[in-house]
Protein backbone atom coordinates (compact mmCIF):
# COMPACT_ATOMS: atom_id res chain seq x y z
CA MET A 1 -0.23 0.06 0.10
CA SER A 2 1.28 3.40 -0.63
CA SER A 3 0.91 6.71 0.90
CA ASN A 4 0.08 10.58 -0.18
CA TYR A 5 1.29 11.12 4.45
CA PRO A 6 3.53 13.31 4.75
CA ALA A 7 7.02 11.29 5.25
CA TYR A 8 9.96 12.79 5.68
CA VAL A 9 13.62 11.33 6.23
CA LEU A 10 16.91 12.49 7.26
CA GLY A 11 19.34 10.87 4.11
CA TYR A 12 23.10 11.74 4.13
CA HIS A 13 24.79 11.54 0.28
CA GLY A 14 29.08 10.31 0.21
CA CYS A 15 30.97 11.95 -2.77
CA ASP A 16 33.58 13.92 -3.35
CA LYS A 17 34.38 17.79 -2.01
CA ALA A 18 34.12 19.31 -4.66
CA VAL A 19 30.74 18.03 -6.20
CA GLY A 20 29.53 18.07 -2.94
CA MET A 21 30.05 21.96 -2.68
CA ALA A 22 29.39 22.43 -6.09
CA ALA A 23 25.64 21.63 -5.06
CA LEU A 24 25.89 23.59 -2.08
CA ASN A 25 26.65 26.78 -3.46
CA GLY A 26 23.87 25.63 -6.79
CA ALA A 27 26.40 26.28 -9.38
CA SER A 28 25.95 22.36 -10.27
CA PRO A 29 23.07 19.69 -9.01
CA LEU A 30 23.91 16.57 -7.93
CA LEU A 31 24.10 13.66 -11.42
CA PRO A 32 22.26 10.40 -11.05
CA SER A 33 24.41 7.79 -11.00
CA GLU A 34 23.88 5.06 -14.76
CA LYS A 35 26.09 2.46 -13.88
CA ALA A 36 24.33 -1.33 -14.81
CA TYR A 37 25.82 -2.04 -10.85
CA ASP A 38 23.36 0.19 -9.44
CA TRP A 39 21.22 -1.35 -6.13
CA LEU A 40 18.09 0.38 -7.37
CA GLY A 41 18.61 1.21 -10.37
CA SER A 42 19.51 4.93 -12.34
CA GLY A 43 20.00 7.78 -9.02
CA ILE A 44 21.53 10.15 -6.68
CA TYR A 45 21.85 7.34 -3.70
CA PHE A 46 21.96 8.64 0.33
CA TRP A 47 21.92 6.62 3.54
CA GLU A 48 18.58 7.11 5.71
CA ASN A 49 19.79 8.91 9.28
CA ASP A 50 23.40 7.84 8.54
CA PRO A 51 26.28 10.13 7.56
CA GLU A 52 28.72 7.65 8.89
CA ARG A 53 28.69 5.69 6.43
CA ALA A 54 28.25 8.52 3.61
CA LEU A 55 32.08 9.13 4.97
CA GLU A 56 32.40 5.52 5.14
CA TRP A 57 31.40 4.92 1.61
CA ALA A 58 33.04 8.21 0.47
CA THR A 59 36.32 7.38 2.11
CA GLN A 60 36.61 3.97 0.18
CA LYS A 61 35.93 6.06 -2.81
CA ALA A 62 38.87 8.33 -2.28
CA GLU A 63 40.91 5.04 -1.12
CA SER A 64 40.50 3.40 -4.79
CA GLY A 65 41.17 7.06 -6.18
CA ALA A 66 37.61 7.76 -7.55
CA TYR A 67 36.99 10.85 -5.56
CA LYS A 68 39.82 13.62 -4.09
CA GLU A 69 38.38 14.79 -0.46
CA PRO A 70 35.47 12.51 0.71
CA PHE A 71 32.40 15.05 1.65
CA VAL A 72 28.71 14.29 3.39
CA LEU A 73 25.72 15.60 2.05
CA GLY A 74 23.04 15.62 4.27
CA ALA A 75 19.06 16.47 2.79
CA ILE A 76 15.33 16.36 4.71
CA ILE A 77 13.97 13.60 2.36
CA ASP A 78 9.82 14.51 1.63
CA LEU A 79 9.35 10.76 0.14
CA GLY A 80 6.14 11.89 -1.15
CA ASN A 81 4.19 8.61 -2.54
CA CYS A 82 5.86 6.22 -1.71
CA LEU A 83 5.66 2.32 -0.83
CA ASP A 84 5.50 1.57 2.50
CA LEU A 85 6.85 -1.82 3.86
CA ILE A 86 7.10 -0.77 7.20
CA THR A 87 3.90 0.62 8.00
CA ARG A 88 1.16 -2.74 9.02
CA LYS A 89 -1.96 -0.83 7.43
């Protein structure tokens, strides 16, 4: 069952610092990942309520050479019309 009532969550996105700062300054939007191995398809991924995990992700990417400096963006996300698999109704 889906619902339309407000459902806000805190999300944390691990990225390179240059990308995060560009998004915060309005210079460039976050771009969706479109890799074949993305867990749930193309999109911008956030760790729910877990900034430490987002930092771990960004740190791992930096250690592999994919990012220059790990960074975490926080967001308040309204889930909107969403499939709710937690609430019994």
